[in-house]
């Protein structure tokens, strides 16, 4: 049996989920990407207590199949962009279909229906968040960042960045550096 819990992929969240399951005596094998593998049946009471306890930490036990699928899509995209060293060379649509075992059209339609944005837009927003992060680390230049995130060119990355943030990547970096310096001067 699998339980689906809405949480960010972080060590803290995994530990909270693990601890709550242990406190309720629920034997489990995997706590990963929002999916918990339950080794034995749980009672309705255990499920309700778990649901209430998780809410205290801002975590949500998901029951709706569409919500579960949306969380899986978001988790795959988040993991792909933020936690892997290299993005897949194949199309994101092929990657998601293969990873989740559904036709991409079904995934895209369900995602858009529930979230009100396209999967592609969600991917772009996450890629721009990763660009921001990489700009602030100052280890890679814009050309290296565009290559790392599979942009066709620096111009393409810059255009998407400006469309999402309203700023150019270089201006964003200068702005953040000035803010950091001002905070250090206080």
Protein backbone atom coordinates (compact mmCIF):
# COMPACT_ATOMS: atom_id res chain seq x y z
CA UNK A 1 0.00 0.00 0.00
CA UNK A 2 1.27 3.49 -0.82
CA UNK A 3 0.47 6.75 0.92
CA UNK A 4 1.01 10.02 -0.92
CA UNK A 5 2.09 12.95 1.17
CA UNK A 6 2.57 16.45 -0.20
CA UNK A 7 5.94 17.72 0.93
CA UNK A 8 9.06 19.30 -0.46
CA UNK A 9 11.97 17.03 -1.16
CA UNK A 10 14.06 17.81 1.90
CA UNK A 11 15.74 15.87 4.66
CA UNK A 12 13.68 17.69 7.31
CA UNK A 13 10.38 16.70 5.68
CA UNK A 14 11.49 13.10 5.25
CA UNK A 15 12.49 12.98 8.93
CA UNK A 16 9.13 14.43 10.05
CA UNK A 17 7.19 11.91 7.96
CA UNK A 18 9.40 9.06 9.18
CA UNK A 19 8.96 10.14 12.82
CA UNK A 20 5.16 10.50 12.55
CA UNK A 21 4.84 7.05 10.96
CA UNK A 22 7.01 5.53 13.69
CA UNK A 23 5.00 7.27 16.43
CA UNK A 24 1.83 5.67 15.07
CA UNK A 25 3.49 2.27 14.75
CA UNK A 26 3.07 2.26 10.97
CA UNK A 27 5.73 0.11 9.37
CA UNK A 28 7.07 1.66 6.18
CA UNK A 29 9.84 0.98 3.72
CA UNK A 30 10.35 4.10 1.63
CA UNK A 31 9.97 7.78 2.27
CA UNK A 32 10.88 9.41 -1.01
CA UNK A 33 9.49 12.06 -3.35
CA UNK A 34 6.23 12.28 -1.47
CA UNK A 35 5.56 8.55 -1.58
CA UNK A 36 5.56 6.37 1.51
CA UNK A 37 5.44 2.60 1.07
CA UNK A 38 3.34 1.11 3.86
CA UNK A 39 4.17 -2.48 4.75
CA UNK A 40 0.93 -3.30 6.56
CA UNK A 41 -2.65 -2.04 6.49
CA UNK A 42 -3.44 1.03 8.54
CA UNK A 43 -6.70 1.81 10.26
CA UNK A 44 -8.92 4.79 9.44
CA UNK A 45 -8.04 6.18 12.87
CA UNK A 46 -4.28 5.91 12.19
CA UNK A 47 -4.80 7.59 8.81
CA UNK A 48 -6.76 10.47 10.37
CA UNK A 49 -4.22 10.97 13.17
CA UNK A 50 -1.39 10.91 10.62
CA UNK A 51 -3.24 13.43 8.46
CA UNK A 52 -3.75 15.79 11.43
CA UNK A 53 -0.17 15.44 12.66
CA UNK A 54 1.30 16.08 9.21
CA UNK A 55 -0.82 19.22 8.81
CA UNK A 56 0.89 20.67 11.90
CA UNK A 57 4.12 20.65 9.86
CA UNK A 58 2.48 22.00 6.72
CA UNK A 59 2.45 18.55 5.11
CA UNK A 60 -0.62 17.10 3.45
CA UNK A 61 -1.80 13.52 3.07
CA UNK A 62 -3.26 13.31 -0.42
CA UNK A 63 -6.35 11.27 -1.26
CA UNK A 64 -7.41 12.64 -4.65
CA UNK A 65 -5.83 10.79 -7.62
CA UNK A 66 -5.38 14.00 -9.63
CA UNK A 67 -3.67 15.74 -6.70
CA UNK A 68 -1.38 12.75 -6.31
CA UNK A 69 -0.46 12.84 -10.00
CA UNK A 70 0.17 16.60 -9.88
CA UNK A 71 2.48 16.16 -6.89
CA UNK A 72 4.35 13.41 -8.72
CA UNK A 73 4.79 15.66 -11.77
CA UNK A 74 5.99 18.55 -9.61
CA UNK A 75 8.37 16.30 -7.68
CA UNK A 76 9.90 14.82 -10.84
CA UNK A 77 10.41 18.30 -12.30
CA UNK A 78 11.81 19.69 -9.04
CA UNK A 79 14.18 16.76 -8.63
CA UNK A 80 15.23 16.94 -12.29
CA UNK A 81 16.03 20.67 -12.20
CA UNK A 82 17.18 21.30 -8.64
CA UNK A 83 18.71 18.04 -7.44
CA UNK A 84 20.37 16.39 -10.42
CA UNK A 85 23.78 17.33 -11.74
CA UNK A 86 22.64 17.29 -15.33
CA UNK A 87 19.27 17.71 -17.03
CA UNK A 88 18.16 14.87 -19.28
CA UNK A 89 19.10 15.30 -22.94
CA UNK A 90 15.71 14.00 -24.07
CA UNK A 91 12.60 16.20 -24.27
CA UNK A 92 11.00 16.96 -20.92
CA UNK A 93 7.75 15.52 -22.24
CA UNK A 94 9.42 12.17 -23.03
CA UNK A 95 11.26 12.24 -19.70
CA UNK A 96 8.07 12.85 -17.69
CA UNK A 97 6.11 10.23 -19.62
CA UNK A 98 8.81 7.64 -19.09
CA UNK A 99 9.35 8.51 -15.43
CA UNK A 100 5.63 8.53 -14.53
CA UNK A 101 4.30 5.92 -16.94
CA UNK A 102 1.59 8.10 -18.48
CA UNK A 103 1.08 9.64 -21.91
CA UNK A 104 2.39 13.21 -21.89
CA UNK A 105 -0.87 14.64 -23.29
CA UNK A 106 -2.75 13.17 -20.31
CA UNK A 107 -0.14 14.55 -17.88
CA UNK A 108 -0.19 17.98 -19.51
CA UNK A 109 -3.99 18.22 -19.62
CA UNK A 110 -4.38 17.09 -16.00
CA UNK A 111 -1.66 19.47 -14.80
CA UNK A 112 -3.17 22.45 -16.64
CA UNK A 113 -6.67 21.62 -15.44
CA UNK A 114 -5.64 21.42 -11.78
CA UNK A 115 -2.85 24.03 -11.57
CA UNK A 116 -4.04 26.55 -14.15
CA UNK A 117 -0.62 26.67 -15.83
CA UNK A 118 1.13 24.40 -18.29
CA UNK A 119 3.81 21.90 -17.35
CA UNK A 120 6.12 23.82 -19.69
CA UNK A 121 5.56 27.04 -17.74
CA UNK A 122 6.16 25.22 -14.45
CA UNK A 123 9.44 23.87 -15.87
CA UNK A 124 10.50 27.34 -17.05
CA UNK A 125 9.76 28.89 -13.65
CA UNK A 126 11.81 26.16 -11.93
CA UNK A 127 14.67 26.57 -14.39
CA UNK A 128 14.72 30.31 -13.74
CA UNK A 129 14.82 29.64 -9.98
CA UNK A 130 17.82 27.39 -10.62
CA UNK A 131 19.44 30.13 -12.75
CA UNK A 132 18.98 32.59 -9.85
CA UNK A 133 20.61 30.13 -7.49
CA UNK A 134 23.55 29.50 -9.83
CA UNK A 135 24.04 33.23 -10.45
CA UNK A 136 24.29 33.86 -6.73
CA UNK A 137 26.80 31.03 -6.20
CA UNK A 138 28.97 32.85 -8.75
CA UNK A 139 30.74 29.63 -9.76
CA UNK A 140 29.41 29.54 -13.34
CA UNK A 141 29.07 32.28 -15.91
CA UNK A 142 25.87 32.76 -17.91
CA UNK A 143 27.16 30.70 -20.84
CA UNK A 144 27.95 27.77 -18.55
CA UNK A 145 24.58 28.10 -16.82
CA UNK A 146 22.72 28.11 -20.14
CA UNK A 147 24.61 24.99 -21.21
CA UNK A 148 24.01 23.26 -17.86
CA UNK A 149 20.26 23.90 -18.08
CA UNK A 150 19.99 22.92 -21.77
CA UNK A 151 19.16 26.36 -23.13
CA UNK A 152 19.80 26.74 -26.85
CA UNK A 153 21.69 29.99 -26.21
CA UNK A 154 22.49 32.62 -23.60
CA UNK A 155 20.02 34.92 -25.38
CA UNK A 156 17.22 32.35 -24.93
CA UNK A 157 18.02 32.01 -21.23
CA UNK A 158 18.18 35.80 -20.82
CA UNK A 159 14.84 36.29 -22.59
CA UNK A 160 13.10 33.70 -20.39
CA UNK A 161 14.74 35.13 -17.28
CA UNK A 162 13.54 38.64 -18.11
CA UNK A 163 10.04 37.39 -19.00
CA UNK A 164 9.70 35.63 -15.60
CA UNK A 165 11.53 38.09 -13.30
CA UNK A 166 11.32 41.38 -15.18
CA UNK A 167 15.10 41.71 -14.85
CA UNK A 168 18.09 40.71 -16.92
CA UNK A 169 20.29 38.02 -15.34
CA UNK A 170 23.21 40.43 -14.94
CA UNK A 171 21.02 43.11 -13.32
CA UNK A 172 19.51 40.48 -10.99
CA UNK A 173 22.99 39.38 -9.93
CA UNK A 174 24.15 42.98 -9.33
CA UNK A 175 20.99 43.71 -7.34
CA UNK A 176 21.49 40.67 -5.11
CA UNK A 177 25.18 41.48 -4.60
CA UNK A 178 24.32 45.07 -3.61
CA UNK A 179 21.69 43.84 -1.14
CA UNK A 180 24.14 41.36 0.36
CA UNK A 181 26.80 44.06 0.67
CA UNK A 182 24.34 46.48 2.26
CA UNK A 183 23.32 43.83 4.81
CA UNK A 184 26.98 43.21 5.64
CA UNK A 185 27.55 46.95 6.16
CA UNK A 186 24.77 47.15 8.76
